[in-house]
Amino acid sequence: MTAVLTEDNFEKEVYEADQPVLVDFYADWCGPCKAMSPVVEALAEEYDGRAKIARINVDESQDIAIRYGVMSIPTFIVFKGSQVMSKMVGMQDKKILAGALDAAL
């Protein structure tokens, strides 16, 4: 299951996580974001216990989106602690997202 991030819990859920975190920056009105949702959910199941998969709504958390230079959505960022390991913009193949997570493990 994907975690829901907000400005209130972002640092705790991402920076303090003991495993890599893939953050999906999305918006409810974004068609490509909706299309990526099943892929993100599948990754959450596959990486359960090894990595955290989380989503953050850019309309509700604009400061965090700005902090990480999110100009287009969907954007996927893999974090290890507070360090950005990789950043992918636009719709992505599941294998690409899995590869980015594997590289951070």
N, C-alpha and C. Protein backbone atom coordinates (compact mmCIF):
# COMPACT_ATOMS: atom_id res chain seq x y z
N MET A 1 0.84 -1.19 0.00
CA MET A 1 0.00 0.00 0.00
C MET A 1 0.88 1.25 0.00
N THR A 2 0.46 2.23 -0.74
CA THR A 2 1.23 3.47 -0.80
C THR A 2 0.92 4.35 0.41
N ALA A 3 1.94 5.03 0.88
CA ALA A 3 1.76 6.00 1.96
C ALA A 3 1.33 7.32 1.36
N VAL A 4 0.52 8.07 2.09
CA VAL A 4 0.09 9.39 1.64
C VAL A 4 0.93 10.43 2.39
N LEU A 5 1.63 11.23 1.62
CA LEU A 5 2.50 12.25 2.21
C LEU A 5 1.84 13.61 2.19
N THR A 6 2.17 14.41 3.20
CA THR A 6 1.72 15.81 3.29
C THR A 6 2.92 16.63 3.73
N GLU A 7 2.75 17.93 3.76
CA GLU A 7 3.84 18.77 4.25
C GLU A 7 4.13 18.48 5.72
N ASP A 8 3.12 18.02 6.46
CA ASP A 8 3.30 17.73 7.89
C ASP A 8 4.10 16.46 8.14
N ASN A 9 3.97 15.45 7.29
CA ASN A 9 4.65 14.17 7.58
C ASN A 9 5.77 13.82 6.61
N PHE A 10 6.05 14.69 5.63
CA PHE A 10 7.03 14.36 4.59
C PHE A 10 8.40 13.99 5.16
N GLU A 11 8.95 14.86 6.01
CA GLU A 11 10.30 14.61 6.52
C GLU A 11 10.36 13.33 7.35
N LYS A 12 9.37 13.10 8.18
CA LYS A 12 9.36 11.89 9.00
C LYS A 12 9.24 10.64 8.12
N GLU A 13 8.31 10.64 7.18
CA GLU A 13 8.05 9.47 6.35
C GLU A 13 9.16 9.19 5.32
N VAL A 14 9.81 10.25 4.86
CA VAL A 14 10.83 10.08 3.81
C VAL A 14 12.24 10.11 4.39
N TYR A 15 12.61 11.20 5.04
CA TYR A 15 13.97 11.36 5.54
C TYR A 15 14.33 10.36 6.63
N GLU A 16 13.36 9.99 7.45
CA GLU A 16 13.64 9.10 8.58
C GLU A 16 13.33 7.64 8.27
N ALA A 17 12.94 7.35 7.03
CA ALA A 17 12.64 5.96 6.65
C ALA A 17 13.92 5.14 6.67
N ASP A 18 13.81 3.88 7.07
CA ASP A 18 14.99 3.01 7.12
C ASP A 18 15.18 2.24 5.82
N GLN A 19 14.47 2.65 4.78
CA GLN A 19 14.60 2.04 3.47
C GLN A 19 14.36 3.12 2.41
N PRO A 20 14.76 2.87 1.16
CA PRO A 20 14.52 3.87 0.11
C PRO A 20 13.02 4.15 -0.03
N VAL A 21 12.72 5.37 -0.48
CA VAL A 21 11.33 5.78 -0.65
C VAL A 21 11.16 6.33 -2.07
N LEU A 22 10.22 5.75 -2.81
CA LEU A 22 9.82 6.28 -4.12
C LEU A 22 8.62 7.18 -3.89
N VAL A 23 8.78 8.47 -4.22
CA VAL A 23 7.69 9.42 -4.03
C VAL A 23 7.11 9.79 -5.40
N ASP A 24 5.81 9.57 -5.53
CA ASP A 24 5.06 9.92 -6.73
C ASP A 24 4.42 11.29 -6.49
N PHE A 25 4.90 12.31 -7.21
CA PHE A 25 4.32 13.64 -7.14
C PHE A 25 3.20 13.69 -8.19
N TYR A 26 1.95 13.92 -7.75
CA TYR A 26 0.80 13.81 -8.63
C TYR A 26 -0.24 14.89 -8.31
N ALA A 27 -1.29 14.93 -9.13
CA ALA A 27 -2.48 15.74 -8.83
C ALA A 27 -3.70 14.94 -9.25
N ASP A 28 -4.82 15.18 -8.57
CA ASP A 28 -6.05 14.43 -8.86
C ASP A 28 -6.56 14.66 -10.28
N TRP A 29 -6.31 15.83 -10.85
CA TRP A 29 -6.83 16.18 -12.17
C TRP A 29 -5.93 15.70 -13.31
N CYS A 30 -4.79 15.12 -12.99
CA CYS A 30 -3.77 14.77 -13.99
C CYS A 30 -4.03 13.37 -14.58
N GLY A 31 -4.35 13.33 -15.86
CA GLY A 31 -4.62 12.06 -16.55
C GLY A 31 -3.46 11.09 -16.50
N PRO A 32 -2.23 11.53 -16.89
CA PRO A 32 -1.09 10.61 -16.81
C PRO A 32 -0.81 10.12 -15.40
N CYS A 33 -1.10 10.95 -14.40
CA CYS A 33 -0.92 10.54 -13.00
C CYS A 33 -1.87 9.39 -12.67
N LYS A 34 -3.13 9.53 -13.12
CA LYS A 34 -4.11 8.48 -12.90
C LYS A 34 -3.69 7.20 -13.61
N ALA A 35 -3.14 7.34 -14.81
CA ALA A 35 -2.70 6.17 -15.57
C ALA A 35 -1.55 5.45 -14.88
N MET A 36 -0.72 6.18 -14.13
CA MET A 36 0.42 5.59 -13.44
C MET A 36 0.03 4.95 -12.10
N SER A 37 -1.14 5.26 -11.60
CA SER A 37 -1.56 4.78 -10.29
C SER A 37 -1.48 3.26 -10.13
N PRO A 38 -1.97 2.47 -11.10
CA PRO A 38 -1.85 1.01 -10.95
C PRO A 38 -0.39 0.52 -10.91
N VAL A 39 0.48 1.21 -11.64
CA VAL A 39 1.90 0.85 -11.64
C VAL A 39 2.50 1.13 -10.27
N VAL A 40 2.17 2.28 -9.71
CA VAL A 40 2.67 2.67 -8.38
C VAL A 40 2.17 1.67 -7.33
N GLU A 41 0.91 1.30 -7.41
CA GLU A 41 0.35 0.33 -6.46
C GLU A 41 1.02 -1.04 -6.59
N ALA A 42 1.30 -1.46 -7.82
CA ALA A 42 1.98 -2.74 -8.05
C ALA A 42 3.38 -2.72 -7.46
N LEU A 43 4.09 -1.60 -7.62
CA LEU A 43 5.42 -1.48 -7.03
C LEU A 43 5.35 -1.54 -5.51
N ALA A 44 4.32 -0.94 -4.93
CA ALA A 44 4.15 -0.96 -3.48
C ALA A 44 4.03 -2.40 -2.98
N GLU A 45 3.30 -3.22 -3.72
CA GLU A 45 3.16 -4.63 -3.33
C GLU A 45 4.48 -5.38 -3.52
N GLU A 46 5.12 -5.17 -4.65
CA GLU A 46 6.35 -5.91 -4.96
C GLU A 46 7.50 -5.55 -4.03
N TYR A 47 7.57 -4.31 -3.60
CA TYR A 47 8.69 -3.86 -2.77
C TYR A 47 8.35 -3.78 -1.30
N ASP A 48 7.19 -4.31 -0.92
CA ASP A 48 6.77 -4.29 0.48
C ASP A 48 7.85 -4.90 1.36
N GLY A 49 8.28 -4.14 2.37
CA GLY A 49 9.32 -4.61 3.28
C GLY A 49 10.72 -4.25 2.85
N ARG A 50 10.90 -3.85 1.58
CA ARG A 50 12.23 -3.49 1.07
C ARG A 50 12.36 -2.01 0.76
N ALA A 51 11.24 -1.41 0.35
CA ALA A 51 11.22 0.01 0.01
C ALA A 51 9.82 0.54 0.29
N LYS A 52 9.75 1.85 0.51
CA LYS A 52 8.45 2.48 0.75
C LYS A 52 8.03 3.20 -0.53
N ILE A 53 6.76 3.08 -0.86
CA ILE A 53 6.20 3.78 -2.00
C ILE A 53 5.19 4.77 -1.45
N ALA A 54 5.31 6.04 -1.86
CA ALA A 54 4.46 7.07 -1.30
C ALA A 54 4.02 8.04 -2.40
N ARG A 55 2.91 8.72 -2.14
CA ARG A 55 2.38 9.69 -3.09
C ARG A 55 2.18 11.01 -2.37
N ILE A 56 2.40 12.11 -3.11
CA ILE A 56 2.14 13.43 -2.55
C ILE A 56 1.44 14.28 -3.59
N ASN A 57 0.34 14.89 -3.19
CA ASN A 57 -0.46 15.73 -4.07
C ASN A 57 0.19 17.11 -4.16
N VAL A 58 0.62 17.49 -5.36
CA VAL A 58 1.35 18.75 -5.52
C VAL A 58 0.45 19.97 -5.29
N ASP A 59 -0.86 19.81 -5.50
CA ASP A 59 -1.77 20.93 -5.25
C ASP A 59 -1.89 21.23 -3.76
N GLU A 60 -1.75 20.20 -2.94
CA GLU A 60 -1.88 20.36 -1.49
C GLU A 60 -0.53 20.58 -0.81
N SER A 61 0.56 20.28 -1.50
CA SER A 61 1.90 20.38 -0.91
C SER A 61 2.85 21.08 -1.87
N GLN A 62 2.48 22.29 -2.25
CA GLN A 62 3.25 23.03 -3.25
C GLN A 62 4.68 23.32 -2.80
N ASP A 63 4.89 23.58 -1.52
CA ASP A 63 6.23 23.91 -1.04
C ASP A 63 7.21 22.76 -1.27
N ILE A 64 6.76 21.54 -1.04
CA ILE A 64 7.63 20.38 -1.24
C ILE A 64 7.90 20.18 -2.73
N ALA A 65 6.88 20.34 -3.55
CA ALA A 65 7.06 20.22 -5.00
C ALA A 65 8.09 21.25 -5.48
N ILE A 66 7.99 22.46 -4.99
CA ILE A 66 8.94 23.52 -5.38
C ILE A 66 10.34 23.18 -4.88
N ARG A 67 10.45 22.68 -3.65
CA ARG A 67 11.75 22.34 -3.07
C ARG A 67 12.51 21.34 -3.94
N TYR A 68 11.78 20.42 -4.56
CA TYR A 68 12.42 19.38 -5.38
C TYR A 68 12.30 19.63 -6.87
N GLY A 69 11.94 20.86 -7.24
CA GLY A 69 11.94 21.25 -8.65
C GLY A 69 10.94 20.50 -9.50
N VAL A 70 9.81 20.14 -8.92
CA VAL A 70 8.78 19.42 -9.67
C VAL A 70 8.02 20.44 -10.51
N MET A 71 8.26 20.41 -11.83
CA MET A 71 7.62 21.35 -12.75
C MET A 71 6.53 20.68 -13.57
N SER A 72 6.62 19.37 -13.74
CA SER A 72 5.64 18.59 -14.49
C SER A 72 5.26 17.38 -13.66
N ILE A 73 4.04 16.91 -13.87
CA ILE A 73 3.62 15.70 -13.16
C ILE A 73 3.10 14.70 -14.17
N PRO A 74 3.22 13.43 -13.88
CA PRO A 74 3.82 12.89 -12.67
C PRO A 74 5.35 13.04 -12.67
N THR A 75 5.90 13.20 -11.49
CA THR A 75 7.35 13.15 -11.27
C THR A 75 7.58 12.12 -10.18
N PHE A 76 8.59 11.30 -10.38
CA PHE A 76 8.95 10.25 -9.42
C PHE A 76 10.35 10.53 -8.91
N ILE A 77 10.51 10.58 -7.60
CA ILE A 77 11.82 10.80 -6.99
C ILE A 77 12.08 9.68 -6.00
N VAL A 78 13.26 9.06 -6.11
CA VAL A 78 13.67 8.04 -5.16
C VAL A 78 14.60 8.70 -4.14
N PHE A 79 14.23 8.61 -2.89
CA PHE A 79 15.02 9.16 -1.79
C PHE A 79 15.66 8.04 -0.99
N LYS A 80 16.84 8.30 -0.49
CA LYS A 80 17.48 7.44 0.51
C LYS A 80 17.87 8.40 1.62
N GLY A 81 17.10 8.37 2.70
CA GLY A 81 17.24 9.42 3.72
C GLY A 81 16.78 10.73 3.09
N SER A 82 17.57 11.78 3.25
CA SER A 82 17.19 13.06 2.65
C SER A 82 17.85 13.27 1.29
N GLN A 83 18.57 12.26 0.81
CA GLN A 83 19.29 12.37 -0.46
C GLN A 83 18.43 11.89 -1.63
N VAL A 84 18.41 12.70 -2.70
CA VAL A 84 17.71 12.29 -3.92
C VAL A 84 18.63 11.35 -4.68
N MET A 85 18.15 10.13 -4.91
CA MET A 85 18.93 9.13 -5.63
C MET A 85 18.66 9.18 -7.14
N SER A 86 17.40 9.44 -7.50
CA SER A 86 17.04 9.58 -8.91
C SER A 86 15.73 10.33 -9.04
N LYS A 87 15.53 10.93 -10.22
CA LYS A 87 14.33 11.71 -10.50
C LYS A 87 13.89 11.42 -11.93
N MET A 88 12.63 11.07 -12.09
CA MET A 88 12.08 10.75 -13.41
C MET A 88 10.81 11.57 -13.62
N VAL A 89 10.71 12.23 -14.76
CA VAL A 89 9.57 13.09 -15.05
C VAL A 89 8.72 12.47 -16.15
N GLY A 90 7.39 12.49 -15.95
CA GLY A 90 6.47 11.97 -16.94
C GLY A 90 6.14 10.51 -16.69
N MET A 91 5.29 9.96 -17.56
CA MET A 91 4.91 8.55 -17.41
C MET A 91 6.15 7.68 -17.60
N GLN A 92 6.28 6.67 -16.75
CA GLN A 92 7.46 5.81 -16.77
C GLN A 92 7.05 4.35 -16.88
N ASP A 93 7.88 3.58 -17.53
CA ASP A 93 7.69 2.14 -17.56
C ASP A 93 7.97 1.60 -16.16
N LYS A 94 7.22 0.61 -15.75
CA LYS A 94 7.40 0.01 -14.43
C LYS A 94 8.84 -0.46 -14.23
N LYS A 95 9.47 -0.99 -15.28
CA LYS A 95 10.85 -1.47 -15.17
C LYS A 95 11.82 -0.34 -14.83
N ILE A 96 11.57 0.84 -15.34
CA ILE A 96 12.44 1.99 -15.05
C ILE A 96 12.32 2.39 -13.58
N LEU A 97 11.09 2.46 -13.08
CA LEU A 97 10.89 2.80 -11.67
C LEU A 97 11.49 1.71 -10.77
N ALA A 98 11.30 0.44 -11.14
CA ALA A 98 11.86 -0.66 -10.34
C ALA A 98 13.39 -0.59 -10.37
N GLY A 99 13.96 -0.26 -11.50
CA GLY A 99 15.42 -0.15 -11.61
C GLY A 99 15.96 0.95 -10.71
N ALA A 100 15.24 2.07 -10.63
CA ALA A 100 15.67 3.16 -9.77
C ALA A 100 15.60 2.74 -8.30
N LEU A 101 14.55 2.00 -7.95
CA LEU A 101 14.46 1.50 -6.57
C LEU A 101 15.57 0.50 -6.29
N ASP A 102 15.81 -0.43 -7.21
CA ASP A 102 16.85 -1.43 -7.03
C ASP A 102 18.21 -0.78 -6.82
N ALA A 103 18.48 0.30 -7.57
CA ALA A 103 19.77 0.99 -7.45
C ALA A 103 19.94 1.62 -6.07
N ALA A 104 18.83 1.98 -5.43
CA ALA A 104 18.89 2.59 -4.11
C ALA A 104 18.91 1.59 -2.97
N LEU A 105 18.60 0.33 -3.27
CA LEU A 105 18.55 -0.69 -2.21
C LEU A 105 19.95 -1.13 -1.78
